[in-house]
Amino acid sequence: MLLSVLIPVFNWDIRMLVAELSEQILGLGEGLNRSIEVLVVDDGSTDRAIRDLNRSTFDSPKFGVRRAWCRYLENEVNVGRSMTRNRLVRESKGLNLLFLDADVLPDGEGFIESYVDIINKRMENFICCGGISYKRCNKQVEKEREFYLWYSSRVSVRPAMIRQMVPWAWVFTANVLISRELAIMHGFDPNFSAYGYEDIEWGIRLHKVTEILHLDNSVSHMGLLSKEVLLKKTKASAVNLLRLSCLHPNEARAIRVFRYAQFISCFPRASLIALSWFITAVFLRCNFNNYIMYILYQVDKMLSVGIAIKVQSQSAAKR
């Protein structure tokens, strides 16, 4: 099989994504569409209604004739993003693997075809990143999600020529193609079980063994977060950033928030926690313009990492 499209899902309705992928795959013609599969693994979703909807997508007559290449599996319990992606690799049949997040939609009608062209041109082990956008998001979003759309559109969206300058820093598993052999040799680190940085850590390791190619074949990220959820996930990601810094200290120093967090970690832990509490309260309760909200968010992110560094150093001192 030429290509496996791998989608981990947790509490998200994937019907539109699967429908659009299926339409594109079928449009490739009989010769190619039989060599492409779509594989979804639900990572212990807690929303039973959404989980049942996703199951029904693969049981419907629309997909029944293509059941051989449309598969849906479930983890019994939530095991995290890294372990779920590793399972997707094990369960897949394709010589090449396209990782997509569940909450994305292709920006172009030739999205799959573009990746097939890349596969046909590159025979050796490779990794290719198409990038993300917010083109298909409704710009009239809920008030609580406006900041996330504004922020992510500015920090996560770059053309391929910019991403290629520091290729490992832009390996987003929301949209990345990799050869099967390379994915098996260099799986996701299962120790990255919480939110964030597991894809960047993966990208750093891959960058040391192969070329990372960036191109403009984007997907729109539809999963806009509220300020509260964004802050919660950001705070949780501090542990993973610290883990990344232990594994790849040189690359971690290139991450600005980590450098600043190292500097402030010399201050008392109680002071950092108190300041973080204050910044969090202001960020969540006030509606300043987006630039001020951005500064508050970045300061709180830095404080979260600084607190994690402080906790780690104090724990090491007790041993």
Protein backbone atom coordinates (compact mmCIF):
# COMPACT_ATOMS: atom_id res chain seq x y z
CA MET A 1 0.00 0.00 0.00
CA LEU A 2 1.32 3.45 -0.97
CA LEU A 3 -0.05 5.70 1.79
CA SER A 4 -1.76 5.49 5.18
CA VAL A 5 -3.51 8.60 6.50
CA LEU A 6 -3.27 8.38 10.30
CA ILE A 7 -5.64 10.32 12.56
CA PRO A 8 -5.63 10.17 16.38
CA VAL A 9 -8.86 11.52 17.86
CA PHE A 10 -10.05 12.54 21.31
CA ASN A 11 -13.49 14.08 21.82
CA TRP A 12 -13.73 15.51 18.30
CA ASP A 13 -16.21 14.91 15.46
CA ILE A 14 -14.14 13.63 12.53
CA ARG A 15 -16.98 13.08 10.05
CA MET A 16 -16.21 16.12 7.88
CA LEU A 17 -12.48 15.38 7.76
CA VAL A 18 -13.01 11.73 6.79
CA ALA A 19 -15.61 12.71 4.18
CA GLU A 20 -13.28 15.24 2.53
CA LEU A 21 -10.32 12.87 2.58
CA SER A 22 -12.45 10.11 1.07
CA GLU A 23 -13.64 12.40 -1.71
CA GLN A 24 -10.08 13.39 -2.56
CA ILE A 25 -8.84 9.81 -2.46
CA LEU A 26 -11.66 8.57 -4.70
CA GLY A 27 -10.89 11.43 -7.09
CA LEU A 28 -7.40 10.08 -7.70
CA GLY A 29 -8.81 7.29 -9.84
CA GLU A 30 -9.06 3.54 -9.47
CA GLY A 31 -5.35 2.94 -9.85
CA LEU A 32 -4.33 5.08 -6.90
CA ASN A 33 -7.26 5.09 -4.51
CA ARG A 34 -6.91 1.39 -3.85
CA SER A 35 -3.41 2.01 -2.51
CA ILE A 36 -4.42 4.57 0.14
CA GLU A 37 -6.04 3.91 3.52
CA VAL A 38 -7.51 6.12 6.25
CA LEU A 39 -6.89 4.86 9.78
CA VAL A 40 -8.40 6.48 12.88
CA VAL A 41 -7.63 5.59 16.50
CA ASP A 42 -9.84 7.02 19.24
CA ASP A 43 -7.76 7.65 22.35
CA GLY A 44 -10.37 6.84 24.98
CA SER A 45 -12.76 9.71 24.23
CA THR A 46 -14.89 10.63 27.24
CA ASP A 47 -17.68 12.21 25.15
CA ARG A 48 -19.76 9.14 24.27
CA ALA A 49 -21.99 11.04 21.84
CA ILE A 50 -19.04 12.14 19.70
CA ARG A 51 -17.44 8.70 19.94
CA ASP A 52 -20.67 7.10 18.68
CA LEU A 53 -20.86 9.59 15.80
CA ASN A 54 -17.31 8.76 14.79
CA ARG A 55 -18.02 5.04 14.92
CA SER A 56 -21.08 5.52 12.72
CA THR A 57 -18.96 7.24 10.07
CA PHE A 58 -17.21 3.96 9.36
CA ASP A 59 -20.37 1.88 9.60
CA SER A 60 -22.38 3.96 7.11
CA PRO A 61 -23.11 2.67 3.59
CA LYS A 62 -21.17 5.61 2.16
CA PHE A 63 -17.94 4.09 3.44
CA GLY A 64 -18.96 0.44 3.35
CA VAL A 65 -17.70 -0.15 -0.18
CA ARG A 66 -14.32 1.19 0.84
CA ARG A 67 -14.17 -0.58 4.22
CA ALA A 68 -10.85 -2.12 3.26
CA TRP A 69 -9.16 1.27 3.43
CA CYS A 70 -11.30 3.07 6.02
CA ARG A 71 -10.57 1.67 9.50
CA TYR A 72 -11.57 2.84 12.96
CA LEU A 73 -9.96 1.55 16.17
CA GLU A 74 -10.22 2.51 19.84
CA ASN A 75 -7.88 2.58 22.80
CA GLU A 76 -9.55 1.16 25.89
CA VAL A 77 -8.22 4.06 27.96
CA ASN A 78 -6.62 7.40 27.18
CA VAL A 79 -2.88 6.80 26.70
CA GLY A 80 -1.81 10.16 25.27
CA ARG A 81 -0.80 11.57 21.92
CA SER A 82 2.59 9.88 21.56
CA MET A 83 1.46 6.33 22.32
CA THR A 84 -1.63 6.71 20.13
CA ARG A 85 0.46 7.84 17.17
CA ASN A 86 2.85 4.95 17.73
CA ARG A 87 -0.13 2.58 17.65
CA LEU A 88 -1.30 4.17 14.40
CA VAL A 89 2.11 3.42 12.88
CA ARG A 90 1.96 -0.22 14.03
CA GLU A 91 -1.58 -0.72 12.70
CA SER A 92 -0.97 0.99 9.36
CA LYS A 93 -0.19 -0.76 6.08
CA GLY A 94 1.22 2.05 3.95
CA LEU A 95 4.84 2.50 2.90
CA ASN A 96 4.32 6.20 3.66
CA LEU A 97 2.38 7.74 6.53
CA LEU A 98 0.49 11.02 6.64
CA PHE A 99 -0.25 12.21 10.17
CA LEU A 100 -3.21 14.54 10.54
CA ASP A 101 -4.83 15.91 13.68
CA ALA A 102 -8.53 15.20 14.06
CA ASP A 103 -9.45 18.90 14.21
CA VAL A 104 -8.06 19.94 10.81
CA LEU A 105 -9.49 20.20 7.30
CA PRO A 106 -7.48 20.27 4.03
CA ASP A 107 -7.13 23.74 2.51
CA GLY A 108 -6.80 22.53 -1.06
CA GLU A 109 -8.79 20.11 -3.20
CA GLY A 110 -5.49 18.59 -4.32
CA PHE A 111 -4.19 18.08 -0.79
CA ILE A 112 -3.77 14.28 -1.00
CA GLU A 113 -2.65 14.42 -4.63
CA SER A 114 0.18 16.83 -3.70
CA TYR A 115 1.52 14.36 -1.16
CA VAL A 116 1.23 11.49 -3.63
CA ASP A 117 3.37 13.53 -6.04
CA ILE A 118 5.98 14.05 -3.30
CA ILE A 119 6.04 10.32 -2.59
CA ASN A 120 6.56 9.49 -6.26
CA LYS A 121 9.48 11.93 -6.51
CA ARG A 122 11.30 10.94 -3.31
CA MET A 123 12.24 7.28 -3.00
CA GLU A 124 14.52 7.49 0.07
CA ASN A 125 13.46 7.98 3.70
CA PHE A 126 12.08 11.45 4.18
CA ILE A 127 9.77 13.67 6.21
CA CYS A 128 7.65 16.42 4.68
CA CYS A 129 5.61 19.08 6.53
CA GLY A 130 2.73 20.87 4.82
CA GLY A 131 2.06 23.51 7.45
CA ILE A 132 -1.12 24.75 9.07
CA SER A 133 -3.42 27.70 8.52
CA TYR A 134 -6.71 29.14 9.71
CA LYS A 135 -8.14 29.88 6.26
CA ARG A 136 -11.31 27.86 6.75
CA CYS A 137 -12.09 29.10 10.24
CA ASN A 138 -15.05 31.38 10.68
CA LYS A 139 -13.53 34.72 11.61
CA GLN A 140 -16.69 35.58 13.60
CA VAL A 141 -15.85 33.24 16.47
CA GLU A 142 -17.01 33.28 20.07
CA LYS A 143 -15.47 35.99 22.20
CA GLU A 144 -13.60 33.43 24.31
CA ARG A 145 -11.90 31.99 21.20
CA GLU A 146 -10.97 35.24 19.46
CA PHE A 147 -7.58 35.49 21.14
CA TYR A 148 -6.58 31.94 20.20
CA LEU A 149 -7.42 32.57 16.54
CA TRP A 150 -5.49 35.85 16.55
CA TYR A 151 -2.51 34.40 18.44
CA SER A 152 -2.15 31.12 16.55
CA SER A 153 -2.55 32.84 13.17
CA ARG A 154 0.54 34.87 14.02
CA VAL A 155 2.81 32.33 15.72
CA SER A 156 1.94 29.01 14.03
CA VAL A 157 1.42 30.02 10.41
CA ARG A 158 4.47 30.53 8.21
CA PRO A 159 5.22 29.89 4.51
CA ALA A 160 7.44 26.92 3.70
CA MET A 161 10.50 29.07 2.93
CA ILE A 162 10.44 30.48 6.48
CA ARG A 163 9.81 27.12 8.14
CA GLN A 164 12.69 25.60 6.19
CA MET A 165 15.16 27.89 8.00
CA VAL A 166 14.76 25.97 11.28
CA PRO A 167 13.06 22.82 9.99
CA TRP A 168 12.76 20.88 13.27
CA ALA A 169 10.92 23.73 15.00
CA TRP A 170 7.98 23.52 12.55
CA VAL A 171 7.31 19.78 12.61
CA PHE A 172 3.62 19.89 13.46
CA THR A 173 2.00 16.47 13.53
CA ALA A 174 -1.24 18.16 12.51
CA ASN A 175 0.06 17.71 8.95
CA VAL A 176 3.24 15.72 8.30
CA LEU A 177 4.20 13.03 5.80
CA ILE A 178 6.92 10.51 6.66
CA SER A 179 8.19 7.26 5.21
CA ARG A 180 7.11 4.20 7.16
CA GLU A 181 10.65 2.94 7.71
CA LEU A 182 11.68 6.24 9.26
CA ALA A 183 8.59 6.37 11.50
CA ILE A 184 9.27 2.87 12.80
CA MET A 185 12.95 3.60 13.52
CA HIS A 186 12.14 6.91 15.20
CA GLY A 187 8.81 6.68 16.99
CA PHE A 188 7.26 9.22 19.33
CA ASP A 189 8.68 9.28 22.84
CA PRO A 190 5.96 7.73 25.09
CA ASN A 191 7.31 9.71 28.05
CA PHE A 192 5.70 12.77 26.47
CA SER A 193 2.24 11.81 27.69
CA ALA A 194 0.99 15.28 28.63
CA TYR A 195 0.20 18.08 26.18
CA GLY A 196 2.78 19.69 23.94
CA TYR A 197 6.31 19.45 22.51
CA GLU A 198 6.19 15.74 21.62
CA ASP A 199 6.17 16.67 17.94
CA ILE A 200 9.04 19.16 18.26
CA GLU A 201 11.11 16.59 20.18
CA TRP A 202 10.34 14.09 17.41
CA GLY A 203 11.35 16.67 14.81
CA ILE A 204 14.68 17.30 16.54
CA ARG A 205 15.56 13.61 16.45
CA LEU A 206 14.50 13.27 12.81
CA HIS A 207 16.48 16.35 11.81
CA LYS A 208 19.65 14.63 13.03
CA VAL A 209 19.18 11.65 10.72
CA THR A 210 17.41 12.96 7.62
CA GLU A 211 16.28 16.00 5.67
CA ILE A 212 13.05 17.69 6.75
CA LEU A 213 11.28 19.21 3.76
CA HIS A 214 8.68 21.97 4.17
CA LEU A 215 6.12 22.81 1.51
CA ASP A 216 2.90 24.79 1.26
CA ASN A 217 0.18 22.13 1.42
CA SER A 218 -1.66 23.28 4.48
CA VAL A 219 -4.57 22.20 6.60
CA SER A 220 -6.83 24.57 8.55
CA HIS A 221 -6.83 24.08 12.29
CA MET A 222 -10.51 24.16 13.27
CA GLY A 223 -10.09 23.38 16.99
CA LEU A 224 -10.07 26.92 18.37
CA LEU A 225 -9.53 27.00 22.13
CA SER A 226 -11.04 29.24 24.75
CA LYS A 227 -8.62 31.33 26.81
CA GLU A 228 -9.18 29.07 29.81
CA VAL A 229 -8.43 25.84 27.93
CA LEU A 230 -5.45 27.43 26.17
CA LEU A 231 -3.93 28.50 29.48
CA LYS A 232 -4.59 25.11 31.06
CA LYS A 233 -2.86 23.28 28.21
CA THR A 234 0.04 25.74 28.18
CA LYS A 235 0.68 25.25 31.89
CA ALA A 236 0.55 21.46 31.45
CA SER A 237 3.05 21.65 28.57
CA ALA A 238 5.76 23.11 30.84
CA VAL A 239 6.70 19.61 32.03
CA ASN A 240 7.20 18.44 28.45
CA LEU A 241 9.32 21.46 27.57
CA LEU A 242 11.51 20.66 30.56
CA ARG A 243 11.77 17.04 29.41
CA LEU A 244 12.72 18.23 25.93
CA SER A 245 15.45 20.45 27.41
CA CYS A 246 16.98 17.45 29.18
CA LEU A 247 17.06 15.43 25.96
CA HIS A 248 18.10 18.23 23.61
CA PRO A 249 19.68 21.09 25.60
CA ASN A 250 21.10 22.94 22.58
CA GLU A 251 17.78 23.06 20.74
CA ALA A 252 15.91 23.99 23.94
CA ARG A 253 18.08 27.06 24.32
CA ALA A 254 16.82 28.19 20.91
CA ILE A 255 13.29 28.35 22.37
CA ARG A 256 12.92 31.88 23.72
CA VAL A 257 10.43 31.11 26.49
CA PHE A 258 12.77 28.46 27.88
CA ARG A 259 15.73 30.86 28.00
CA TYR A 260 13.69 33.46 29.88
CA ALA A 261 12.30 30.78 32.21
CA GLN A 262 15.82 29.68 33.10
CA PHE A 263 16.63 33.26 34.09
CA ILE A 264 13.60 33.78 36.36
CA SER A 265 13.94 30.34 37.99
CA CYS A 266 16.46 31.89 40.39
CA PHE A 267 13.62 33.73 42.13
CA PRO A 268 11.71 32.13 45.04
CA ARG A 269 9.16 29.55 43.96
CA ALA A 270 6.42 31.16 46.05
CA SER A 271 6.95 34.47 44.26
CA LEU A 272 6.73 32.84 40.85
CA ILE A 273 3.53 31.02 41.81
CA ALA A 274 1.95 34.19 43.20
CA LEU A 275 2.81 36.19 40.08
CA SER A 276 1.52 33.40 37.84
CA TRP A 277 -1.76 33.33 39.78
CA PHE A 278 -2.16 37.09 39.33
CA ILE A 279 -1.32 37.03 35.60
CA THR A 280 -3.73 34.12 35.07
CA ALA A 281 -6.56 35.98 36.79
CA VAL A 282 -5.99 39.12 34.72
CA PHE A 283 -5.70 37.15 31.47
CA LEU A 284 -8.93 35.23 32.04
CA ARG A 285 -11.11 38.01 33.44
CA CYS A 286 -10.08 41.02 31.38
CA ASN A 287 -10.55 41.76 27.71
CA PHE A 288 -7.68 43.98 26.69
CA ASN A 289 -6.60 44.27 23.07
CA ASN A 290 -4.89 41.19 21.67
CA TYR A 291 -1.36 42.57 21.92
CA ILE A 292 -1.69 43.09 25.68
CA MET A 293 -3.30 39.66 26.03
CA TYR A 294 -0.36 38.21 24.09
CA ILE A 295 2.14 39.73 26.54
CA LEU A 296 0.18 38.41 29.53
CA TYR A 297 -0.02 34.97 27.96
CA GLN A 298 3.70 34.82 27.17
CA VAL A 299 4.64 36.00 30.67
CA ASP A 300 2.44 33.32 32.25
CA LYS A 301 3.91 30.69 29.93
CA MET A 302 7.40 31.74 30.99
CA LEU A 303 6.38 31.62 34.66
CA SER A 304 4.92 28.11 34.27
CA VAL A 305 8.18 26.84 32.79
CA GLY A 306 10.20 28.69 35.44
CA ILE A 307 8.16 27.05 38.20
CA ALA A 308 8.72 23.63 36.59
CA ILE A 309 12.47 24.28 36.48
CA LYS A 310 12.38 25.35 40.14
CA VAL A 311 10.49 22.23 41.19
CA GLN A 312 12.93 20.02 39.28
CA SER A 313 15.99 21.67 40.83
CA GLN A 314 14.55 21.48 44.35
CA SER A 315 13.69 17.81 43.88
CA ALA A 316 17.21 17.09 42.65
CA ALA A 317 18.69 18.89 45.67
CA LYS A 318 16.74 16.65 48.07
CA ARG A 319 18.13 13.46 46.58
